[in-house]
N, C-alpha and C. Protein backbone atom coordinates (compact mmCIF):
# COMPACT_ATOMS: atom_id res chain seq x y z
N MET A 1 -22.36 30.06 0.80
CA MET A 1 -22.94 29.10 1.74
C MET A 1 -24.37 28.77 1.28
N ASN A 2 -24.64 27.48 1.07
CA ASN A 2 -25.97 27.10 0.64
C ASN A 2 -26.88 26.79 1.83
N ALA A 3 -28.16 26.63 1.54
CA ALA A 3 -29.14 26.46 2.61
C ALA A 3 -28.89 25.18 3.41
N GLN A 4 -28.49 24.10 2.74
CA GLN A 4 -28.28 22.85 3.46
C GLN A 4 -27.11 22.94 4.42
N ALA A 5 -26.03 23.61 3.98
CA ALA A 5 -24.87 23.81 4.87
C ALA A 5 -25.27 24.65 6.07
N PHE A 6 -26.10 25.64 5.85
CA PHE A 6 -26.61 26.51 6.90
C PHE A 6 -27.35 25.69 7.96
N TRP A 7 -28.26 24.83 7.52
CA TRP A 7 -29.05 24.04 8.46
C TRP A 7 -28.23 22.92 9.09
N ASN A 8 -27.21 22.42 8.39
CA ASN A 8 -26.34 21.40 8.97
C ASN A 8 -25.56 21.94 10.17
N VAL A 9 -25.10 23.17 10.05
CA VAL A 9 -24.39 23.82 11.16
C VAL A 9 -25.33 23.95 12.36
N ILE A 10 -26.55 24.39 12.10
CA ILE A 10 -27.54 24.53 13.17
C ILE A 10 -27.82 23.19 13.84
N GLY A 11 -28.00 22.14 13.04
CA GLY A 11 -28.27 20.83 13.60
C GLY A 11 -27.14 20.31 14.46
N ASN A 12 -25.92 20.49 14.01
CA ASN A 12 -24.75 20.04 14.76
C ASN A 12 -24.63 20.80 16.07
N TYR A 13 -24.82 22.10 15.99
CA TYR A 13 -24.76 22.96 17.18
C TYR A 13 -25.82 22.55 18.21
N ASN A 14 -27.05 22.38 17.76
CA ASN A 14 -28.13 22.03 18.69
C ASN A 14 -27.91 20.67 19.34
N ASN A 15 -27.43 19.70 18.55
CA ASN A 15 -27.18 18.37 19.10
C ASN A 15 -26.13 18.39 20.20
N LYS A 16 -25.11 19.24 20.03
CA LYS A 16 -23.97 19.21 20.95
C LYS A 16 -24.13 20.16 22.14
N THR A 17 -25.03 21.14 22.04
CA THR A 17 -25.04 22.20 23.07
C THR A 17 -26.41 22.39 23.74
N TRP A 18 -27.38 21.50 23.52
CA TRP A 18 -28.74 21.79 23.99
C TRP A 18 -28.81 21.96 25.51
N ILE A 19 -28.00 21.22 26.25
CA ILE A 19 -28.02 21.38 27.71
C ILE A 19 -27.48 22.75 28.12
N ILE A 20 -26.38 23.15 27.49
CA ILE A 20 -25.81 24.48 27.78
C ILE A 20 -26.81 25.57 27.40
N GLN A 21 -27.50 25.38 26.29
CA GLN A 21 -28.49 26.37 25.87
C GLN A 21 -29.58 26.56 26.92
N ILE A 22 -30.05 25.45 27.50
CA ILE A 22 -31.09 25.55 28.53
C ILE A 22 -30.59 26.30 29.75
N VAL A 23 -29.37 25.97 30.19
CA VAL A 23 -28.78 26.64 31.36
C VAL A 23 -28.61 28.13 31.08
N LEU A 24 -28.10 28.45 29.90
CA LEU A 24 -27.87 29.85 29.54
C LEU A 24 -29.18 30.62 29.42
N LEU A 25 -30.21 29.98 28.88
CA LEU A 25 -31.52 30.65 28.76
C LEU A 25 -32.08 30.97 30.14
N ILE A 26 -31.97 30.03 31.08
CA ILE A 26 -32.45 30.26 32.45
C ILE A 26 -31.67 31.42 33.08
N PHE A 27 -30.36 31.46 32.86
CA PHE A 27 -29.53 32.54 33.39
C PHE A 27 -29.95 33.89 32.81
N VAL A 28 -30.15 33.94 31.50
CA VAL A 28 -30.52 35.20 30.84
C VAL A 28 -31.87 35.70 31.35
N ILE A 29 -32.86 34.81 31.43
CA ILE A 29 -34.19 35.21 31.91
C ILE A 29 -34.11 35.70 33.36
N SER A 30 -33.38 34.99 34.19
CA SER A 30 -33.22 35.39 35.59
C SER A 30 -32.53 36.75 35.70
N ALA A 31 -31.54 36.97 34.86
CA ALA A 31 -30.82 38.24 34.86
C ALA A 31 -31.73 39.39 34.47
N PHE A 32 -32.60 39.17 33.48
CA PHE A 32 -33.53 40.22 33.06
C PHE A 32 -34.49 40.57 34.18
N VAL A 33 -35.00 39.56 34.86
CA VAL A 33 -35.93 39.80 35.96
C VAL A 33 -35.26 40.62 37.05
N LEU A 34 -34.05 40.25 37.42
CA LEU A 34 -33.33 40.96 38.48
C LEU A 34 -33.01 42.39 38.09
N SER A 35 -32.75 42.61 36.79
CA SER A 35 -32.49 43.98 36.33
C SER A 35 -33.76 44.80 36.26
N TYR A 36 -34.86 44.19 35.80
CA TYR A 36 -36.13 44.92 35.71
C TYR A 36 -36.62 45.36 37.08
N ILE A 37 -36.42 44.53 38.09
CA ILE A 37 -36.89 44.90 39.43
C ILE A 37 -35.81 45.66 40.21
N ARG A 38 -34.71 45.95 39.51
CA ARG A 38 -33.62 46.79 40.02
C ARG A 38 -32.90 46.20 41.23
N LYS A 39 -32.84 44.89 41.28
CA LYS A 39 -32.07 44.23 42.32
C LYS A 39 -30.59 44.20 41.93
N VAL A 40 -30.33 43.86 40.65
CA VAL A 40 -28.95 43.84 40.13
C VAL A 40 -29.01 44.50 38.75
N ARG A 41 -28.85 45.80 38.71
CA ARG A 41 -29.10 46.58 37.50
C ARG A 41 -28.23 46.14 36.32
N TRP A 42 -26.99 45.76 36.57
CA TRP A 42 -26.04 45.47 35.50
C TRP A 42 -26.16 44.05 34.96
N LEU A 43 -26.96 43.21 35.59
CA LEU A 43 -26.93 41.79 35.27
C LEU A 43 -27.51 41.47 33.88
N ALA A 44 -28.49 42.21 33.42
CA ALA A 44 -29.06 41.94 32.09
C ALA A 44 -28.00 42.14 31.02
N LYS A 45 -27.26 43.25 31.10
CA LYS A 45 -26.19 43.49 30.13
C LYS A 45 -25.11 42.41 30.23
N PHE A 46 -24.78 42.03 31.46
CA PHE A 46 -23.76 41.01 31.67
C PHE A 46 -24.20 39.69 31.03
N SER A 47 -25.47 39.32 31.22
CA SER A 47 -25.96 38.06 30.67
C SER A 47 -25.97 38.09 29.14
N LEU A 48 -26.29 39.24 28.56
CA LEU A 48 -26.24 39.36 27.10
C LEU A 48 -24.81 39.27 26.60
N GLY A 49 -23.88 39.80 27.38
CA GLY A 49 -22.47 39.66 27.02
C GLY A 49 -22.06 38.20 26.98
N ILE A 50 -22.43 37.45 28.01
CA ILE A 50 -22.12 36.02 28.06
C ILE A 50 -22.79 35.27 26.92
N ALA A 51 -24.05 35.59 26.66
CA ALA A 51 -24.80 34.90 25.59
C ALA A 51 -24.16 35.14 24.22
N ASN A 52 -23.78 36.39 23.95
CA ASN A 52 -23.17 36.70 22.65
C ASN A 52 -21.78 36.08 22.52
N LEU A 53 -21.02 36.06 23.60
CA LEU A 53 -19.71 35.40 23.57
C LEU A 53 -19.88 33.90 23.33
N PHE A 54 -20.89 33.32 23.96
CA PHE A 54 -21.15 31.90 23.76
C PHE A 54 -21.49 31.60 22.30
N ILE A 55 -22.30 32.47 21.69
CA ILE A 55 -22.64 32.28 20.28
C ILE A 55 -21.38 32.37 19.43
N GLY A 56 -20.54 33.36 19.72
CA GLY A 56 -19.31 33.51 18.95
C GLY A 56 -18.44 32.27 19.01
N VAL A 57 -18.22 31.78 20.23
CA VAL A 57 -17.34 30.62 20.41
C VAL A 57 -18.08 29.31 20.15
N GLY A 58 -19.24 29.16 20.79
CA GLY A 58 -19.96 27.89 20.77
C GLY A 58 -20.68 27.59 19.47
N PHE A 59 -20.99 28.62 18.70
CA PHE A 59 -21.67 28.39 17.42
C PHE A 59 -20.71 28.55 16.25
N PHE A 60 -20.12 29.74 16.13
CA PHE A 60 -19.34 30.03 14.93
C PHE A 60 -17.92 29.45 14.96
N TRP A 61 -17.27 29.51 16.11
CA TRP A 61 -15.90 29.00 16.17
C TRP A 61 -15.87 27.47 16.16
N LEU A 62 -16.68 26.85 17.01
CA LEU A 62 -16.63 25.40 17.13
C LEU A 62 -17.35 24.67 16.00
N TYR A 63 -18.48 25.23 15.53
CA TYR A 63 -19.31 24.49 14.58
C TYR A 63 -19.46 25.18 13.22
N GLY A 64 -18.99 26.40 13.11
CA GLY A 64 -19.05 27.08 11.82
C GLY A 64 -18.18 26.38 10.78
N THR A 65 -18.63 26.35 9.56
CA THR A 65 -17.90 25.65 8.49
C THR A 65 -17.55 26.56 7.32
N GLU A 66 -18.08 27.76 7.31
CA GLU A 66 -17.92 28.65 6.16
C GLU A 66 -17.08 29.87 6.53
N PRO A 67 -16.32 30.42 5.56
CA PRO A 67 -15.50 31.61 5.83
C PRO A 67 -16.29 32.78 6.41
N VAL A 68 -17.52 32.99 5.93
CA VAL A 68 -18.32 34.11 6.43
C VAL A 68 -18.63 33.95 7.91
N GLN A 69 -18.74 32.70 8.36
CA GLN A 69 -19.00 32.45 9.77
C GLN A 69 -17.75 32.71 10.61
N LYS A 70 -16.60 32.32 10.08
CA LYS A 70 -15.35 32.45 10.83
C LYS A 70 -14.80 33.88 10.82
N PHE A 71 -14.94 34.57 9.71
CA PHE A 71 -14.27 35.86 9.55
C PHE A 71 -15.19 37.07 9.63
N PHE A 72 -16.51 36.84 9.66
CA PHE A 72 -17.45 37.95 9.85
C PHE A 72 -18.27 37.75 11.12
N ALA A 73 -18.98 36.64 11.20
CA ALA A 73 -19.88 36.42 12.33
C ALA A 73 -19.13 36.24 13.64
N LEU A 74 -18.07 35.43 13.63
CA LEU A 74 -17.32 35.17 14.87
C LEU A 74 -16.80 36.45 15.51
N PRO A 75 -16.02 37.28 14.79
CA PRO A 75 -15.55 38.52 15.43
C PRO A 75 -16.66 39.47 15.82
N LEU A 76 -17.74 39.51 15.03
CA LEU A 76 -18.86 40.40 15.36
C LEU A 76 -19.47 40.02 16.70
N PHE A 77 -19.75 38.74 16.89
CA PHE A 77 -20.37 38.32 18.15
C PHE A 77 -19.42 38.44 19.33
N LEU A 78 -18.14 38.22 19.10
CA LEU A 78 -17.17 38.40 20.18
C LEU A 78 -17.12 39.87 20.60
N LEU A 79 -17.13 40.77 19.62
CA LEU A 79 -17.13 42.21 19.93
C LEU A 79 -18.40 42.64 20.66
N VAL A 80 -19.53 42.14 20.19
CA VAL A 80 -20.80 42.46 20.86
C VAL A 80 -20.77 41.97 22.30
N GLY A 81 -20.28 40.75 22.50
CA GLY A 81 -20.20 40.20 23.86
C GLY A 81 -19.30 41.01 24.76
N VAL A 82 -18.13 41.37 24.26
CA VAL A 82 -17.17 42.15 25.06
C VAL A 82 -17.75 43.52 25.39
N LEU A 83 -18.41 44.15 24.41
CA LEU A 83 -18.99 45.48 24.64
C LEU A 83 -20.13 45.43 25.65
N PHE A 84 -20.92 44.37 25.64
CA PHE A 84 -21.96 44.23 26.66
C PHE A 84 -21.34 44.07 28.05
N LEU A 85 -20.28 43.30 28.15
CA LEU A 85 -19.60 43.15 29.44
C LEU A 85 -19.03 44.49 29.90
N PHE A 86 -18.46 45.24 28.96
CA PHE A 86 -17.95 46.57 29.28
C PHE A 86 -19.07 47.48 29.77
N GLU A 87 -20.21 47.45 29.06
CA GLU A 87 -21.35 48.27 29.45
C GLU A 87 -21.89 47.88 30.82
N SER A 88 -21.85 46.59 31.13
CA SER A 88 -22.38 46.13 32.42
C SER A 88 -21.54 46.67 33.58
N ARG A 89 -20.28 46.99 33.29
CA ARG A 89 -19.40 47.56 34.32
C ARG A 89 -19.35 49.08 34.26
N HIS A 90 -19.24 49.61 33.04
CA HIS A 90 -19.07 51.06 32.86
C HIS A 90 -20.35 51.83 33.18
N ASN A 91 -21.50 51.26 32.82
CA ASN A 91 -22.79 51.91 33.11
C ASN A 91 -23.64 50.96 33.96
N LYS A 92 -23.05 50.49 35.04
CA LYS A 92 -23.69 49.44 35.84
C LYS A 92 -24.93 49.90 36.60
N ASN A 93 -25.11 51.20 36.74
CA ASN A 93 -26.27 51.71 37.48
C ASN A 93 -27.43 52.13 36.58
N ASP A 94 -27.31 51.89 35.28
CA ASP A 94 -28.40 52.21 34.36
C ASP A 94 -29.63 51.36 34.69
N ASP A 95 -30.78 51.99 34.68
CA ASP A 95 -32.02 51.25 34.91
C ASP A 95 -32.54 50.67 33.60
N LEU A 96 -33.01 49.44 33.67
CA LEU A 96 -33.67 48.81 32.54
C LEU A 96 -35.15 49.17 32.63
N LYS A 97 -35.60 50.03 31.72
CA LYS A 97 -36.96 50.55 31.80
C LYS A 97 -37.99 49.55 31.27
N LYS A 98 -39.23 49.78 31.66
CA LYS A 98 -40.34 48.95 31.19
C LYS A 98 -40.40 49.05 29.67
N PRO A 99 -40.60 47.92 28.98
CA PRO A 99 -40.61 47.95 27.51
C PRO A 99 -41.71 48.85 26.96
N THR A 100 -41.35 49.59 25.92
CA THR A 100 -42.35 50.34 25.16
C THR A 100 -43.12 49.36 24.28
N GLY A 101 -44.12 49.86 23.57
CA GLY A 101 -44.89 49.00 22.68
C GLY A 101 -44.03 48.25 21.67
N PRO A 102 -43.18 48.98 20.90
CA PRO A 102 -42.33 48.29 19.92
C PRO A 102 -41.37 47.29 20.57
N GLN A 103 -40.81 47.65 21.72
CA GLN A 103 -39.89 46.74 22.40
C GLN A 103 -40.62 45.48 22.87
N ALA A 104 -41.84 45.64 23.36
CA ALA A 104 -42.64 44.49 23.80
C ALA A 104 -42.93 43.56 22.62
N ILE A 105 -43.19 44.15 21.45
CA ILE A 105 -43.43 43.34 20.26
C ILE A 105 -42.18 42.55 19.89
N LEU A 106 -41.01 43.20 19.94
CA LEU A 106 -39.76 42.50 19.62
C LEU A 106 -39.49 41.37 20.61
N LEU A 107 -39.77 41.62 21.89
CA LEU A 107 -39.58 40.57 22.90
C LEU A 107 -40.54 39.41 22.65
N SER A 108 -41.76 39.72 22.23
CA SER A 108 -42.73 38.67 21.90
C SER A 108 -42.26 37.86 20.70
N PHE A 109 -41.69 38.54 19.72
CA PHE A 109 -41.15 37.85 18.55
C PHE A 109 -40.05 36.87 18.97
N TYR A 110 -39.20 37.32 19.91
CA TYR A 110 -38.13 36.44 20.40
C TYR A 110 -38.73 35.16 20.98
N LEU A 111 -39.76 35.30 21.79
CA LEU A 111 -40.39 34.14 22.42
C LEU A 111 -41.02 33.20 21.39
N LEU A 112 -41.43 33.76 20.26
CA LEU A 112 -42.09 32.96 19.22
C LEU A 112 -41.13 32.25 18.28
N TYR A 113 -39.84 32.61 18.33
CA TYR A 113 -38.86 32.11 17.37
C TYR A 113 -38.94 30.60 17.13
N PRO A 114 -38.76 29.76 18.17
CA PRO A 114 -38.76 28.31 17.90
C PRO A 114 -40.11 27.78 17.43
N PHE A 115 -41.19 28.41 17.88
CA PHE A 115 -42.52 27.96 17.47
C PHE A 115 -42.76 28.25 15.98
N ILE A 116 -42.30 29.42 15.56
CA ILE A 116 -42.42 29.76 14.13
C ILE A 116 -41.56 28.82 13.31
N SER A 117 -40.37 28.49 13.83
CA SER A 117 -39.48 27.57 13.14
C SER A 117 -40.16 26.21 12.94
N MET A 118 -40.87 25.74 13.96
CA MET A 118 -41.57 24.45 13.86
C MET A 118 -42.76 24.54 12.91
N ILE A 119 -43.49 25.65 12.95
CA ILE A 119 -44.62 25.85 12.04
C ILE A 119 -44.14 25.82 10.59
N LEU A 120 -42.93 26.33 10.37
CA LEU A 120 -42.37 26.37 9.02
C LEU A 120 -41.76 25.04 8.59
N GLY A 121 -41.89 24.03 9.45
CA GLY A 121 -41.43 22.70 9.07
C GLY A 121 -40.15 22.24 9.74
N GLY A 122 -39.57 23.06 10.61
CA GLY A 122 -38.36 22.67 11.30
C GLY A 122 -38.64 21.69 12.42
N SER A 123 -37.67 20.87 12.71
CA SER A 123 -37.75 19.96 13.85
C SER A 123 -36.36 19.81 14.44
N PHE A 124 -36.30 19.54 15.73
CA PHE A 124 -35.00 19.45 16.40
C PHE A 124 -34.20 18.29 15.81
N PRO A 125 -32.92 18.47 15.50
CA PRO A 125 -32.09 19.62 15.84
C PRO A 125 -32.03 20.72 14.78
N GLN A 126 -32.58 20.48 13.59
CA GLN A 126 -32.48 21.49 12.53
C GLN A 126 -33.65 22.47 12.61
N MET A 127 -33.61 23.26 13.67
CA MET A 127 -34.61 24.31 13.88
C MET A 127 -33.97 25.42 14.70
N VAL A 128 -34.62 26.55 14.71
CA VAL A 128 -34.10 27.70 15.46
C VAL A 128 -34.53 27.59 16.92
N THR A 129 -33.57 27.73 17.83
CA THR A 129 -33.85 27.72 19.26
C THR A 129 -33.57 29.11 19.83
N TYR A 130 -33.80 29.27 21.13
CA TYR A 130 -33.65 30.59 21.74
C TYR A 130 -32.20 31.07 21.80
N ILE A 131 -31.27 30.13 22.02
CA ILE A 131 -29.87 30.52 22.14
C ILE A 131 -29.15 30.21 20.84
N MET A 132 -29.45 31.02 19.86
CA MET A 132 -28.81 30.94 18.55
C MET A 132 -28.52 32.37 18.09
N PRO A 133 -27.66 32.53 17.08
CA PRO A 133 -27.22 33.89 16.70
C PRO A 133 -28.34 34.89 16.48
N CYS A 134 -29.31 34.54 15.64
CA CYS A 134 -30.33 35.52 15.28
C CYS A 134 -31.29 35.85 16.43
N PRO A 135 -31.81 34.84 17.14
CA PRO A 135 -32.64 35.18 18.30
C PRO A 135 -31.89 35.97 19.37
N VAL A 136 -30.63 35.63 19.62
CA VAL A 136 -29.86 36.32 20.66
C VAL A 136 -29.64 37.79 20.29
N ILE A 137 -29.35 38.07 19.03
CA ILE A 137 -29.20 39.47 18.62
C ILE A 137 -30.53 40.19 18.67
N GLY A 138 -31.60 39.52 18.25
CA GLY A 138 -32.92 40.14 18.33
C GLY A 138 -33.27 40.49 19.77
N LEU A 139 -33.00 39.56 20.67
CA LEU A 139 -33.25 39.82 22.09
C LEU A 139 -32.35 40.94 22.61
N SER A 140 -31.10 40.94 22.19
CA SER A 140 -30.15 41.96 22.63
C SER A 140 -30.60 43.36 22.22
N ILE A 141 -31.07 43.49 20.98
CA ILE A 141 -31.56 44.79 20.50
C ILE A 141 -32.79 45.22 21.30
N ALA A 142 -33.72 44.30 21.51
CA ALA A 142 -34.96 44.64 22.22
C ALA A 142 -34.69 45.06 23.65
N VAL A 143 -33.79 44.36 24.34
CA VAL A 143 -33.48 44.68 25.73
C VAL A 143 -32.63 45.95 25.82
N TYR A 144 -31.64 46.08 24.95
CA TYR A 144 -30.76 47.25 25.00
C TYR A 144 -31.54 48.54 24.74
N ALA A 145 -32.63 48.42 24.00
CA ALA A 145 -33.48 49.59 23.74
C ALA A 145 -34.06 50.15 25.03
N GLY A 146 -34.12 49.33 26.08
CA GLY A 146 -34.69 49.77 27.34
C GLY A 146 -33.77 50.58 28.22
N TYR A 147 -32.54 50.79 27.76
CA TYR A 147 -31.58 51.58 28.53
C TYR A 147 -31.46 52.99 27.97
N GLU A 148 -31.27 53.95 28.86
CA GLU A 148 -31.13 55.35 28.43
C GLU A 148 -29.81 55.57 27.71
N ARG A 149 -28.73 55.06 28.30
CA ARG A 149 -27.40 55.24 27.70
C ARG A 149 -27.12 54.09 26.74
N LYS A 150 -26.63 54.45 25.55
CA LYS A 150 -26.35 53.42 24.55
C LYS A 150 -24.98 53.64 23.93
N ASN A 151 -24.26 52.56 23.77
CA ASN A 151 -22.97 52.56 23.09
C ASN A 151 -23.24 52.45 21.60
N LYS A 152 -22.86 53.47 20.84
CA LYS A 152 -23.21 53.49 19.41
C LYS A 152 -22.50 52.39 18.63
N ILE A 153 -21.29 52.03 19.03
CA ILE A 153 -20.58 50.95 18.33
C ILE A 153 -21.32 49.63 18.55
N LEU A 154 -21.70 49.37 19.79
CA LEU A 154 -22.46 48.16 20.10
C LEU A 154 -23.77 48.13 19.34
N LEU A 155 -24.45 49.25 19.31
CA LEU A 155 -25.73 49.34 18.61
C LEU A 155 -25.55 49.10 17.11
N ALA A 156 -24.48 49.66 16.55
CA ALA A 156 -24.22 49.48 15.12
C ALA A 156 -23.93 48.03 14.78
N LEU A 157 -23.13 47.36 15.61
CA LEU A 157 -22.79 45.96 15.36
C LEU A 157 -24.03 45.07 15.40
N MET A 158 -24.88 45.30 16.39
CA MET A 158 -26.10 44.50 16.49
C MET A 158 -27.03 44.77 15.30
N THR A 159 -27.08 46.02 14.88
CA THR A 159 -27.93 46.39 13.75
C THR A 159 -27.44 45.74 12.47
N ILE A 160 -26.13 45.71 12.29
CA ILE A 160 -25.55 45.07 11.10
C ILE A 160 -25.99 43.61 11.03
N TRP A 161 -25.89 42.91 12.18
CA TRP A 161 -26.32 41.51 12.16
C TRP A 161 -27.84 41.41 11.96
N GLY A 162 -28.57 42.35 12.55
CA GLY A 162 -30.02 42.34 12.37
C GLY A 162 -30.40 42.42 10.91
N LEU A 163 -29.68 43.23 10.15
CA LEU A 163 -30.00 43.40 8.73
C LEU A 163 -29.65 42.17 7.90
N THR A 164 -28.82 41.28 8.46
CA THR A 164 -28.55 40.03 7.73
C THR A 164 -29.78 39.12 7.72
N GLY A 165 -30.83 39.54 8.41
CA GLY A 165 -32.08 38.78 8.37
C GLY A 165 -32.63 38.66 6.96
N ILE A 166 -32.08 39.45 6.04
CA ILE A 166 -32.49 39.35 4.63
C ILE A 166 -32.19 37.95 4.09
N LYS A 167 -31.25 37.25 4.76
CA LYS A 167 -30.89 35.89 4.31
C LYS A 167 -32.05 34.92 4.45
N SER A 168 -33.07 35.31 5.21
CA SER A 168 -34.23 34.42 5.39
C SER A 168 -34.81 33.99 4.05
N ILE A 169 -34.69 34.84 3.08
CA ILE A 169 -35.24 34.55 1.75
C ILE A 169 -34.40 33.49 1.03
N PHE A 170 -33.08 33.55 1.24
CA PHE A 170 -32.17 32.68 0.49
C PHE A 170 -31.95 31.32 1.15
N PHE A 171 -32.10 31.24 2.48
CA PHE A 171 -31.82 29.99 3.19
C PHE A 171 -33.09 29.30 3.68
N ASN A 172 -34.24 29.74 3.18
CA ASN A 172 -35.51 29.17 3.62
C ASN A 172 -35.65 29.20 5.14
N ALA A 173 -35.15 30.28 5.73
CA ALA A 173 -35.25 30.47 7.18
C ALA A 173 -36.13 31.68 7.43
N TYR A 174 -37.41 31.53 7.10
CA TYR A 174 -38.31 32.68 7.10
C TYR A 174 -38.57 33.22 8.50
N GLU A 175 -38.24 32.42 9.53
CA GLU A 175 -38.34 32.93 10.89
C GLU A 175 -37.40 34.11 11.12
N ASP A 176 -36.34 34.21 10.29
CA ASP A 176 -35.39 35.30 10.45
C ASP A 176 -35.89 36.63 9.90
N ILE A 177 -37.11 36.65 9.41
CA ILE A 177 -37.73 37.94 9.12
C ILE A 177 -37.83 38.73 10.43
N ILE A 178 -37.98 38.01 11.55
CA ILE A 178 -37.97 38.64 12.87
C ILE A 178 -36.67 39.40 13.08
N LEU A 179 -35.56 38.76 12.71
CA LEU A 179 -34.25 39.40 12.85
C LEU A 179 -34.18 40.67 12.01
N LEU A 180 -34.69 40.61 10.80
CA LEU A 180 -34.67 41.78 9.92
C LEU A 180 -35.48 42.93 10.53
N ILE A 181 -36.62 42.61 11.12
CA ILE A 181 -37.42 43.64 11.79
C ILE A 181 -36.62 44.27 12.93
N CYS A 182 -35.91 43.44 13.69
CA CYS A 182 -35.06 43.94 14.78
C CYS A 182 -33.95 44.83 14.23
N GLY A 183 -33.41 44.44 13.07
CA GLY A 183 -32.37 45.26 12.45
C GLY A 183 -32.87 46.63 12.04
N VAL A 184 -34.08 46.67 11.48
CA VAL A 184 -34.68 47.96 11.10
C VAL A 184 -34.90 48.81 12.35
N TYR A 185 -35.36 48.18 13.43
CA TYR A 185 -35.55 48.91 14.68
C TYR A 185 -34.20 49.41 15.20
N GLY A 186 -33.15 48.62 14.99
CA GLY A 186 -31.81 49.04 15.38
C GLY A 186 -31.37 50.29 14.63
N ILE A 187 -31.71 50.36 13.35
CA ILE A 187 -31.38 51.56 12.56
C ILE A 187 -32.06 52.79 13.16
N VAL A 188 -33.33 52.64 13.52
CA VAL A 188 -34.08 53.75 14.12
C VAL A 188 -33.41 54.20 15.42
N MET A 189 -33.04 53.22 16.26
CA MET A 189 -32.37 53.56 17.52
C MET A 189 -31.04 54.25 17.27
N PHE A 190 -30.29 53.76 16.29
CA PHE A 190 -28.98 54.32 15.99
C PHE A 190 -29.10 55.77 15.52
N ILE A 191 -30.06 56.03 14.64
CA ILE A 191 -30.28 57.40 14.16
C ILE A 191 -30.70 58.31 15.31
N ASN A 192 -31.59 57.82 16.17
CA ASN A 192 -32.04 58.62 17.32
C ASN A 192 -30.88 58.91 18.27
N GLU A 193 -29.99 57.94 18.42
CA GLU A 193 -28.85 58.12 19.30
C GLU A 193 -27.88 59.16 18.75
N ILE A 194 -27.69 59.17 17.44
CA ILE A 194 -26.84 60.18 16.81
C ILE A 194 -27.46 61.56 16.98
N LYS A 195 -28.77 61.67 16.77
CA LYS A 195 -29.47 62.95 16.95
C LYS A 195 -29.34 63.44 18.39
N ARG A 196 -29.48 62.51 19.32
CA ARG A 196 -29.38 62.87 20.74
C ARG A 196 -27.99 63.36 21.07
N SER A 197 -26.98 62.70 20.52
CA SER A 197 -25.59 63.12 20.76
C SER A 197 -25.33 64.49 20.17
N ASP A 198 -25.87 64.75 18.96
CA ASP A 198 -25.68 66.05 18.32
C ASP A 198 -26.36 67.17 19.09
N SER A 199 -27.52 66.86 19.67
CA SER A 199 -28.27 67.89 20.42
C SER A 199 -27.59 68.25 21.73
N MET A 200 -26.71 67.36 22.20
CA MET A 200 -26.02 67.62 23.47
C MET A 200 -24.73 68.38 23.29
N LYS A 201 -24.33 68.58 22.01
CA LYS A 201 -23.07 69.29 21.75
C LYS A 201 -23.25 70.79 21.94
């Protein structure tokens, strides 16, 4: 997949889904607020499940043009979405804790995504928006870090996508260095989760 094909998919997606993206972003932000203030504890996970499913279907299935998008990215995002929905029900009483320093930095990076994309020369529709694969996974990793209980499969899948941020070098999408940072943080969380599981045996 070359850089132009990569940006063409993004442009087509943004042109066709920008209204849905705005609605979904408002839903996700509202869900986070309600979970942080412990009004609806499970809603943040549920919203991330919906967001990741939307990326799987609305980005990769409908607008993806390359085999890697159809046979790697699509199933990965569908699995992440389903696992978040499962977590929202199975561990529905988990509290979403106040972000730590690193988590706050990752959340700030998420908010900066489209602005960095514009600084790097992007313009709508061929630019990175909030409801796109890489920002959504970055946000998912940052928010999921705030929960005590973590599903290792879900964490591994998100980390795998996070590490694909290395593509920023090849596709002139340098904003995805943010994704790579999130992927590295995912590795740290995954290792800590394995250590925690071993210590409980």
